[in-house]
Amino acid sequence: MMKEICIVIALIAMSIELLPMVIKGYRTKSMDHVPWFMLINCEIGVSAWLCYAICIEEQPMLCLEAFALMVLTIAIYQKIKYTR
C-alpha cells in the first residue's frame, strides 16, 4: 500500500509540474521559454514509464503517466504552432 501511495504522490507532482508550461504557452502564444530538448526528453521518459506501467499493470501509474504524456503532447503541439 505504501508503494502505491508513493507512486501516486510522485506522479501527481510530476504531472502538475508540466501544467504551468502549457498554461503559459497558451496565454502568451509563445513557447520560446521551453527548449526542444526538454520536451523530447520528457516525452521519451514518460513514454518509457507508461510502457512500464502497462507491463506491470499498475493502474494509478498508468493513468497518471497517460495524463503526463497528454500534457507533453499539448506542449509539443504548442511549440510547433507558436514557432511559426
N, C-alpha and C. Protein backbone atom coordinates (compact mmCIF):
# COMPACT_ATOMS: atom_id res chain seq x y z
N MET A 1 0.82 -1.20 0.00
CA MET A 1 0.00 0.00 0.00
C MET A 1 0.86 1.27 0.00
N MET A 2 1.94 1.24 0.78
CA MET A 2 2.82 2.40 0.85
C MET A 2 3.46 2.68 -0.50
N LYS A 3 3.81 1.62 -1.23
CA LYS A 3 4.42 1.78 -2.55
C LYS A 3 3.47 2.52 -3.49
N GLU A 4 2.19 2.16 -3.48
CA GLU A 4 1.21 2.80 -4.35
C GLU A 4 1.03 4.27 -4.00
N ILE A 5 1.04 4.57 -2.71
CA ILE A 5 0.89 5.96 -2.27
C ILE A 5 2.08 6.80 -2.75
N CYS A 6 3.28 6.27 -2.63
CA CYS A 6 4.48 6.98 -3.09
C CYS A 6 4.44 7.19 -4.60
N ILE A 7 4.00 6.17 -5.34
CA ILE A 7 3.91 6.29 -6.79
C ILE A 7 2.93 7.39 -7.17
N VAL A 8 1.77 7.39 -6.55
CA VAL A 8 0.74 8.38 -6.87
C VAL A 8 1.22 9.80 -6.53
N ILE A 9 1.84 9.98 -5.38
CA ILE A 9 2.33 11.31 -5.00
C ILE A 9 3.38 11.80 -5.99
N ALA A 10 4.33 10.93 -6.33
CA ALA A 10 5.39 11.32 -7.27
C ALA A 10 4.82 11.67 -8.65
N LEU A 11 3.90 10.88 -9.13
CA LEU A 11 3.36 11.11 -10.46
C LEU A 11 2.45 12.34 -10.51
N ILE A 12 1.71 12.58 -9.46
CA ILE A 12 0.88 13.79 -9.41
C ILE A 12 1.78 15.03 -9.41
N ALA A 13 2.84 14.99 -8.61
CA ALA A 13 3.77 16.13 -8.57
C ALA A 13 4.40 16.36 -9.93
N MET A 14 4.81 15.29 -10.61
CA MET A 14 5.43 15.43 -11.92
C MET A 14 4.44 15.96 -12.95
N SER A 15 3.21 15.47 -12.91
CA SER A 15 2.20 15.92 -13.87
C SER A 15 1.82 17.37 -13.65
N ILE A 16 1.67 17.76 -12.40
CA ILE A 16 1.31 19.15 -12.09
C ILE A 16 2.44 20.09 -12.48
N GLU A 17 3.67 19.62 -12.39
CA GLU A 17 4.83 20.42 -12.75
C GLU A 17 4.80 20.84 -14.22
N LEU A 18 4.18 20.04 -15.07
CA LEU A 18 4.14 20.33 -16.50
C LEU A 18 3.03 21.32 -16.89
N LEU A 19 1.99 21.42 -16.08
CA LEU A 19 0.84 22.27 -16.43
C LEU A 19 1.17 23.75 -16.59
N PRO A 20 1.97 24.37 -15.70
CA PRO A 20 2.26 25.80 -15.89
C PRO A 20 2.92 26.12 -17.23
N MET A 21 3.73 25.21 -17.73
CA MET A 21 4.37 25.41 -19.02
C MET A 21 3.32 25.51 -20.13
N VAL A 22 2.35 24.63 -20.11
CA VAL A 22 1.30 24.62 -21.14
C VAL A 22 0.39 25.84 -20.97
N ILE A 23 0.06 26.19 -19.74
CA ILE A 23 -0.80 27.34 -19.48
C ILE A 23 -0.11 28.64 -19.93
N LYS A 24 1.18 28.78 -19.61
CA LYS A 24 1.92 29.97 -20.04
C LYS A 24 2.00 30.04 -21.56
N GLY A 25 2.23 28.90 -22.20
CA GLY A 25 2.27 28.87 -23.66
C GLY A 25 0.95 29.30 -24.27
N TYR A 26 -0.15 28.86 -23.69
CA TYR A 26 -1.47 29.23 -24.19
C TYR A 26 -1.73 30.72 -24.01
N ARG A 27 -1.38 31.24 -22.84
CA ARG A 27 -1.63 32.67 -22.56
C ARG A 27 -0.76 33.60 -23.39
N THR A 28 0.51 33.26 -23.54
CA THR A 28 1.43 34.15 -24.24
C THR A 28 1.54 33.85 -25.74
N LYS A 29 0.99 32.72 -26.15
CA LYS A 29 1.10 32.26 -27.56
C LYS A 29 2.56 32.16 -27.96
N SER A 30 3.39 31.75 -27.02
CA SER A 30 4.82 31.59 -27.27
C SER A 30 5.35 30.43 -26.42
N MET A 31 6.23 29.63 -27.02
CA MET A 31 6.88 28.55 -26.28
C MET A 31 8.40 28.71 -26.35
N ASP A 32 8.84 29.95 -26.52
CA ASP A 32 10.27 30.23 -26.59
C ASP A 32 10.99 29.88 -25.29
N HIS A 33 10.26 29.88 -24.19
CA HIS A 33 10.84 29.60 -22.88
C HIS A 33 11.07 28.11 -22.65
N VAL A 34 10.64 27.26 -23.59
CA VAL A 34 10.77 25.81 -23.43
C VAL A 34 11.66 25.25 -24.54
N PRO A 35 12.81 24.67 -24.17
CA PRO A 35 13.69 24.12 -25.21
C PRO A 35 13.16 22.80 -25.77
N TRP A 36 13.44 22.57 -27.05
CA TRP A 36 13.03 21.32 -27.70
C TRP A 36 13.58 20.11 -26.97
N PHE A 37 14.84 20.19 -26.54
CA PHE A 37 15.48 19.06 -25.88
C PHE A 37 14.68 18.61 -24.66
N MET A 38 14.21 19.57 -23.87
CA MET A 38 13.45 19.23 -22.68
C MET A 38 12.15 18.52 -23.04
N LEU A 39 11.45 19.04 -24.04
CA LEU A 39 10.18 18.43 -24.43
C LEU A 39 10.37 17.01 -24.94
N ILE A 40 11.33 16.82 -25.82
CA ILE A 40 11.57 15.50 -26.39
C ILE A 40 12.06 14.53 -25.32
N ASN A 41 12.97 14.98 -24.48
CA ASN A 41 13.49 14.14 -23.41
C ASN A 41 12.39 13.70 -22.45
N CYS A 42 11.55 14.63 -22.05
CA CYS A 42 10.42 14.29 -21.15
C CYS A 42 9.45 13.34 -21.83
N GLU A 43 9.17 13.58 -23.11
CA GLU A 43 8.25 12.72 -23.85
C GLU A 43 8.77 11.27 -23.90
N ILE A 44 10.06 11.11 -24.15
CA ILE A 44 10.66 9.77 -24.19
C ILE A 44 10.60 9.12 -22.80
N GLY A 45 10.94 9.87 -21.78
CA GLY A 45 10.91 9.34 -20.42
C GLY A 45 9.52 8.93 -19.97
N VAL A 46 8.55 9.79 -20.22
CA VAL A 46 7.17 9.48 -19.81
C VAL A 46 6.64 8.30 -20.62
N SER A 47 6.99 8.22 -21.89
CA SER A 47 6.55 7.09 -22.72
C SER A 47 7.12 5.77 -22.18
N ALA A 48 8.38 5.81 -21.75
CA ALA A 48 9.01 4.61 -21.19
C ALA A 48 8.32 4.20 -19.89
N TRP A 49 8.01 5.17 -19.04
CA TRP A 49 7.31 4.85 -17.79
C TRP A 49 5.90 4.34 -18.07
N LEU A 50 5.27 4.87 -19.10
CA LEU A 50 3.93 4.40 -19.47
C LEU A 50 3.99 2.94 -19.92
N CYS A 51 4.98 2.60 -20.71
CA CYS A 51 5.16 1.20 -21.14
C CYS A 51 5.40 0.30 -19.93
N TYR A 52 6.20 0.76 -19.00
CA TYR A 52 6.46 0.01 -17.77
C TYR A 52 5.17 -0.20 -16.97
N ALA A 53 4.38 0.85 -16.85
CA ALA A 53 3.12 0.75 -16.11
C ALA A 53 2.18 -0.25 -16.77
N ILE A 54 2.18 -0.30 -18.08
CA ILE A 54 1.35 -1.28 -18.80
C ILE A 54 1.85 -2.69 -18.51
N CYS A 55 3.17 -2.87 -18.53
CA CYS A 55 3.76 -4.20 -18.30
C CYS A 55 3.46 -4.73 -16.90
N ILE A 56 3.53 -3.87 -15.90
CA ILE A 56 3.30 -4.34 -14.53
C ILE A 56 1.84 -4.18 -14.10
N GLU A 57 1.02 -3.65 -15.01
CA GLU A 57 -0.42 -3.47 -14.76
C GLU A 57 -0.70 -2.65 -13.49
N GLU A 58 -0.01 -1.53 -13.39
CA GLU A 58 -0.17 -0.62 -12.25
C GLU A 58 -1.12 0.50 -12.66
N GLN A 59 -2.38 0.39 -12.29
CA GLN A 59 -3.43 1.29 -12.76
C GLN A 59 -3.20 2.76 -12.42
N PRO A 60 -2.88 3.13 -11.16
CA PRO A 60 -2.67 4.56 -10.88
C PRO A 60 -1.51 5.13 -11.69
N MET A 61 -0.45 4.37 -11.80
CA MET A 61 0.72 4.82 -12.56
C MET A 61 0.36 4.97 -14.04
N LEU A 62 -0.39 4.06 -14.55
CA LEU A 62 -0.81 4.10 -15.95
C LEU A 62 -1.62 5.36 -16.25
N CYS A 63 -2.58 5.65 -15.39
CA CYS A 63 -3.44 6.83 -15.61
C CYS A 63 -2.64 8.12 -15.52
N LEU A 64 -1.78 8.24 -14.52
CA LEU A 64 -1.04 9.48 -14.35
C LEU A 64 0.03 9.67 -15.42
N GLU A 65 0.66 8.59 -15.86
CA GLU A 65 1.63 8.71 -16.96
C GLU A 65 0.92 9.07 -18.26
N ALA A 66 -0.27 8.52 -18.48
CA ALA A 66 -1.04 8.88 -19.68
C ALA A 66 -1.39 10.37 -19.64
N PHE A 67 -1.75 10.88 -18.47
CA PHE A 67 -2.04 12.31 -18.32
C PHE A 67 -0.80 13.15 -18.62
N ALA A 68 0.34 12.75 -18.06
CA ALA A 68 1.58 13.49 -18.30
C ALA A 68 1.95 13.47 -19.78
N LEU A 69 1.74 12.33 -20.43
CA LEU A 69 2.03 12.23 -21.86
C LEU A 69 1.12 13.15 -22.67
N MET A 70 -0.14 13.25 -22.25
CA MET A 70 -1.09 14.14 -22.92
C MET A 70 -0.65 15.61 -22.76
N VAL A 71 -0.23 15.99 -21.57
CA VAL A 71 0.21 17.37 -21.34
C VAL A 71 1.46 17.67 -22.17
N LEU A 72 2.39 16.74 -22.22
CA LEU A 72 3.60 16.94 -23.02
C LEU A 72 3.28 17.02 -24.51
N THR A 73 2.34 16.23 -24.97
CA THR A 73 1.94 16.28 -26.37
C THR A 73 1.32 17.63 -26.71
N ILE A 74 0.53 18.17 -25.80
CA ILE A 74 -0.03 19.51 -25.99
C ILE A 74 1.09 20.54 -26.05
N ALA A 75 2.09 20.39 -25.17
CA ALA A 75 3.22 21.34 -25.16
C ALA A 75 4.00 21.27 -26.48
N ILE A 76 4.20 20.08 -27.00
CA ILE A 76 4.91 19.94 -28.29
C ILE A 76 4.07 20.56 -29.41
N TYR A 77 2.78 20.34 -29.38
CA TYR A 77 1.89 20.96 -30.38
C TYR A 77 2.00 22.48 -30.31
N GLN A 78 1.97 23.02 -29.08
CA GLN A 78 2.09 24.47 -28.92
C GLN A 78 3.44 24.96 -29.44
N LYS A 79 4.50 24.22 -29.15
CA LYS A 79 5.83 24.62 -29.61
C LYS A 79 5.87 24.69 -31.13
N ILE A 80 5.29 23.71 -31.79
CA ILE A 80 5.24 23.72 -33.27
C ILE A 80 4.38 24.86 -33.77
N LYS A 81 3.20 25.02 -33.18
CA LYS A 81 2.24 26.03 -33.64
C LYS A 81 2.76 27.46 -33.43
N TYR A 82 3.32 27.74 -32.27
CA TYR A 82 3.72 29.11 -31.94
C TYR A 82 5.10 29.46 -32.46
N THR A 83 5.86 28.49 -32.97
CA THR A 83 7.18 28.78 -33.51
C THR A 83 7.08 29.36 -34.91
N ARG A 84 6.00 29.08 -35.60
CA ARG A 84 5.82 29.56 -36.98
C ARG A 84 5.75 31.05 -37.07
